[in-house]
Amino acid sequence: MARLWDYSGAKVIHDDRLILRNTGSGYRMYNTPVYNNDEPLESPLNKIFIIEHGDENKLVPVKGANAVSLIMANCIQHNWGPDIITRLLGSVSIMSAKIPTVKLSFKPDRSVIDHILENE
């Protein structure tokens, strides 16, 4: 997905792991530099896409506990203590109430970009 957006001229923050933060004035995403030539990057976060390959490009909004569980399934969790997990779950619950989440099934070609842009 990141490569498709990159080839289309979009600014790709990272192709794998992101840091999401509530800055007080909204949510922002930041890259996690892992390559020697990475520079710090950031962008506003205004929608969360839970992606999966599919036979067609399809956006399905998800809300509430379903959104929280899908986001949590994509968070890095290191078997921390119960307090840390509780705080993470609370943060994700608050974020998912403010930031729309959608499941995106997509064909891995340029058509998914057109589909997203047409439906935004």
C-alpha atoms as a PDB file:
ATOM      1  CA  MET A   1       0.000   0.000   0.000  1.00  0.00           C
ATOM      2  CA  ALA A   2       2.790   2.438   0.904  1.00  0.00           C
ATOM      3  CA  ARG A   3       4.503   1.779  -2.414  1.00  0.00           C
ATOM      4  CA  LEU A   4       1.299   2.505  -4.356  1.00  0.00           C
ATOM      5  CA  TRP A   5       0.922   5.870  -2.610  1.00  0.00           C
ATOM      6  CA  ASP A   6       4.628   6.628  -3.006  1.00  0.00           C
ATOM      7  CA  TYR A   7       4.460   5.958  -6.760  1.00  0.00           C
ATOM      8  CA  SER A   8       1.465   8.300  -6.911  1.00  0.00           C
ATOM      9  CA  GLY A   9       3.484  11.141  -5.421  1.00  0.00           C
ATOM     10  CA  ALA A  10       2.019  11.085  -1.914  1.00  0.00           C
ATOM     11  CA  LYS A  11       4.114  11.731   1.194  1.00  0.00           C
ATOM     12  CA  VAL A  12       4.515   8.346   2.894  1.00  0.00           C
ATOM     13  CA  ILE A  13       5.224   8.711   6.613  1.00  0.00           C
ATOM     14  CA  HIS A  14       6.314   5.076   7.044  1.00  0.00           C
ATOM     15  CA  ASP A  15       5.595   1.738   5.406  1.00  0.00           C
ATOM     16  CA  ASP A  16       5.252  -0.292   8.589  1.00  0.00           C
ATOM     17  CA  ARG A  17       5.109   1.177  12.091  1.00  0.00           C
ATOM     18  CA  LEU A  18       3.712   4.528  13.142  1.00  0.00           C
ATOM     19  CA  ILE A  19       3.482   6.376  16.406  1.00  0.00           C
ATOM     20  CA  LEU A  20       0.059   7.977  16.970  1.00  0.00           C
ATOM     21  CA  ARG A  21      -0.220  10.841  19.444  1.00  0.00           C
ATOM     22  CA  ASN A  22      -2.903  13.095  20.779  1.00  0.00           C
ATOM     23  CA  THR A  23      -1.181  16.469  20.653  1.00  0.00           C
ATOM     24  CA  GLY A  24      -4.012  18.324  22.387  1.00  0.00           C
ATOM     25  CA  SER A  25      -4.986  20.022  19.134  1.00  0.00           C
ATOM     26  CA  GLY A  26      -5.647  16.745  17.324  1.00  0.00           C
ATOM     27  CA  TYR A  27      -4.034  13.435  16.543  1.00  0.00           C
ATOM     28  CA  ARG A  28      -0.794  13.198  14.589  1.00  0.00           C
ATOM     29  CA  MET A  29       1.182  10.285  13.193  1.00  0.00           C
ATOM     30  CA  TYR A  30       4.960  10.031  13.267  1.00  0.00           C
ATOM     31  CA  ASN A  31       7.370   7.663  11.587  1.00  0.00           C
ATOM     32  CA  THR A  32       9.566   5.257  13.507  1.00  0.00           C
ATOM     33  CA  PRO A  33      12.972   5.704  11.875  1.00  0.00           C
ATOM     34  CA  VAL A  34      14.487   2.292  11.241  1.00  0.00           C
ATOM     35  CA  TYR A  35      16.629   2.925   8.180  1.00  0.00           C
ATOM     36  CA  ASN A  36      19.936   4.813   8.117  1.00  0.00           C
ATOM     37  CA  ASN A  37      18.570   7.567   5.892  1.00  0.00           C
ATOM     38  CA  ASP A  38      15.238   8.106   7.702  1.00  0.00           C
ATOM     39  CA  GLU A  39      14.373  11.630   8.754  1.00  0.00           C
ATOM     40  CA  PRO A  40      11.642  12.498  11.267  1.00  0.00           C
ATOM     41  CA  LEU A  41       8.278  12.790   9.515  1.00  0.00           C
ATOM     42  CA  GLU A  42       4.796  13.602  10.777  1.00  0.00           C
ATOM     43  CA  SER A  43       1.313  14.300   9.516  1.00  0.00           C
ATOM     44  CA  PRO A  44      -2.184  14.924  10.911  1.00  0.00           C
ATOM     45  CA  LEU A  45      -4.222  11.772  11.476  1.00  0.00           C
ATOM     46  CA  ASN A  46      -7.790  12.138  10.215  1.00  0.00           C
ATOM     47  CA  LYS A  47      -8.774   8.539   9.398  1.00  0.00           C
ATOM     48  CA  ILE A  48      -7.550   5.047  10.264  1.00  0.00           C
ATOM     49  CA  PHE A  49      -7.618   2.380   7.569  1.00  0.00           C
ATOM     50  CA  ILE A  50      -7.502  -1.273   8.595  1.00  0.00           C
ATOM     51  CA  ILE A  51      -6.200  -2.853   5.396  1.00  0.00           C
ATOM     52  CA  GLU A  52      -6.495  -6.301   3.842  1.00  0.00           C
ATOM     53  CA  HIS A  53      -6.076  -7.649   0.340  1.00  0.00           C
ATOM     54  CA  GLY A  54      -9.360  -8.333  -1.432  1.00  0.00           C
ATOM     55  CA  ASP A  55     -10.964  -9.019  -4.798  1.00  0.00           C
ATOM     56  CA  GLU A  56     -12.368  -5.502  -4.933  1.00  0.00           C
ATOM     57  CA  ASN A  57     -11.760  -2.095  -3.398  1.00  0.00           C
ATOM     58  CA  LYS A  58     -14.236  -1.658  -0.578  1.00  0.00           C
ATOM     59  CA  LEU A  59     -14.467   0.741   2.381  1.00  0.00           C
ATOM     60  CA  VAL A  60     -16.547  -0.324   5.390  1.00  0.00           C
ATOM     61  CA  PRO A  61     -16.850   2.065   8.358  1.00  0.00           C
ATOM     62  CA  VAL A  62     -16.355   0.481  11.788  1.00  0.00           C
ATOM     63  CA  LYS A  63     -17.183   2.021  15.154  1.00  0.00           C
ATOM     64  CA  GLY A  64     -17.207   1.330  18.860  1.00  0.00           C
ATOM     65  CA  ALA A  65     -15.765  -1.890  20.223  1.00  0.00           C
ATOM     66  CA  ASN A  66     -15.226  -3.236  16.705  1.00  0.00           C
ATOM     67  CA  ALA A  67     -12.998  -0.268  15.814  1.00  0.00           C
ATOM     68  CA  VAL A  68     -11.120  -0.525  19.104  1.00  0.00           C
ATOM     69  CA  SER A  69     -10.468  -4.250  18.655  1.00  0.00           C
ATOM     70  CA  LEU A  70      -9.255  -3.805  15.057  1.00  0.00           C
ATOM     71  CA  ILE A  71      -6.910  -0.991  16.056  1.00  0.00           C
ATOM     72  CA  MET A  72      -5.629  -2.900  19.088  1.00  0.00           C
ATOM     73  CA  ALA A  73      -4.910  -5.914  16.866  1.00  0.00           C
ATOM     74  CA  ASN A  74      -2.526  -3.674  14.918  1.00  0.00           C
ATOM     75  CA  CYS A  75      -0.762  -2.191  17.962  1.00  0.00           C
ATOM     76  CA  ILE A  76       2.570  -3.493  19.154  1.00  0.00           C
ATOM     77  CA  GLN A  77       2.001  -5.114  22.515  1.00  0.00           C
ATOM     78  CA  HIS A  78       4.853  -6.574  24.509  1.00  0.00           C
ATOM     79  CA  ASN A  79       2.968  -8.404  27.271  1.00  0.00           C
ATOM     80  CA  TRP A  80       3.265  -5.362  29.478  1.00  0.00           C
ATOM     81  CA  GLY A  81       1.693  -5.124  32.870  1.00  0.00           C
ATOM     82  CA  PRO A  82      -2.052  -4.710  33.280  1.00  0.00           C
ATOM     83  CA  ASP A  83      -1.793  -0.969  33.995  1.00  0.00           C
ATOM     84  CA  ILE A  84      -0.015  -0.240  30.716  1.00  0.00           C
ATOM     85  CA  ILE A  85      -2.464  -2.376  28.733  1.00  0.00           C
ATOM     86  CA  THR A  86      -5.392  -0.623  30.426  1.00  0.00           C
ATOM     87  CA  ARG A  87      -3.966   2.805  29.515  1.00  0.00           C
ATOM     88  CA  LEU A  88      -3.355   1.704  25.908  1.00  0.00           C
ATOM     89  CA  LEU A  89      -6.903   0.370  25.615  1.00  0.00           C
ATOM     90  CA  GLY A  90      -8.271   3.607  27.074  1.00  0.00           C
ATOM     91  CA  SER A  91      -6.210   5.729  24.682  1.00  0.00           C
ATOM     92  CA  VAL A  92      -7.312   3.678  21.684  1.00  0.00           C
ATOM     93  CA  SER A  93     -10.961   3.887  22.812  1.00  0.00           C
ATOM     94  CA  ILE A  94     -10.785   7.683  23.050  1.00  0.00           C
ATOM     95  CA  MET A  95      -8.955   7.974  19.715  1.00  0.00           C
ATOM     96  CA  SER A  96     -11.393   5.700  17.879  1.00  0.00           C
ATOM     97  CA  ALA A  97     -14.309   7.810  19.131  1.00  0.00           C
ATOM     98  CA  LYS A  98     -12.702  10.890  17.543  1.00  0.00           C
ATOM     99  CA  ILE A  99     -10.956   9.509  14.439  1.00  0.00           C
ATOM    100  CA  PRO A 100     -13.059   7.572  11.893  1.00  0.00           C
ATOM    101  CA  THR A 101     -11.938   3.993  11.292  1.00  0.00           C
ATOM    102  CA  VAL A 102     -12.673   1.997   8.146  1.00  0.00           C
ATOM    103  CA  LYS A 103     -11.858  -1.485   6.964  1.00  0.00           C
ATOM    104  CA  LEU A 104     -10.313  -1.309   3.519  1.00  0.00           C
ATOM    105  CA  SER A 105     -10.271  -4.383   1.315  1.00  0.00           C
ATOM    106  CA  PHE A 106      -8.224  -3.610  -1.754  1.00  0.00           C
ATOM    107  CA  LYS A 107      -6.792  -4.881  -4.985  1.00  0.00           C
ATOM    108  CA  PRO A 108      -3.037  -4.178  -4.823  1.00  0.00           C
ATOM    109  CA  ASP A 109      -2.958  -1.760  -7.742  1.00  0.00           C
ATOM    110  CA  ARG A 110      -3.479   1.947  -8.457  1.00  0.00           C
ATOM    111  CA  SER A 111      -7.263   1.531  -8.490  1.00  0.00           C
ATOM    112  CA  VAL A 112      -7.366   1.523  -4.665  1.00  0.00           C
ATOM    113  CA  ILE A 113      -5.963   5.051  -4.557  1.00  0.00           C
ATOM    114  CA  ASP A 114      -8.627   6.272  -6.966  1.00  0.00           C
ATOM    115  CA  HIS A 115     -11.290   4.460  -4.902  1.00  0.00           C
ATOM    116  CA  ILE A 116     -10.167   6.119  -1.663  1.00  0.00           C
ATOM    117  CA  LEU A 117      -9.917   9.586  -3.228  1.00  0.00           C
ATOM    118  CA  GLU A 118     -13.346   9.256  -4.857  1.00  0.00           C
ATOM    119  CA  ASN A 119     -14.948   8.231  -1.560  1.00  0.00           C
ATOM    120  CA  GLU A 120     -13.339  10.790   0.743  1.00  0.00           C
END
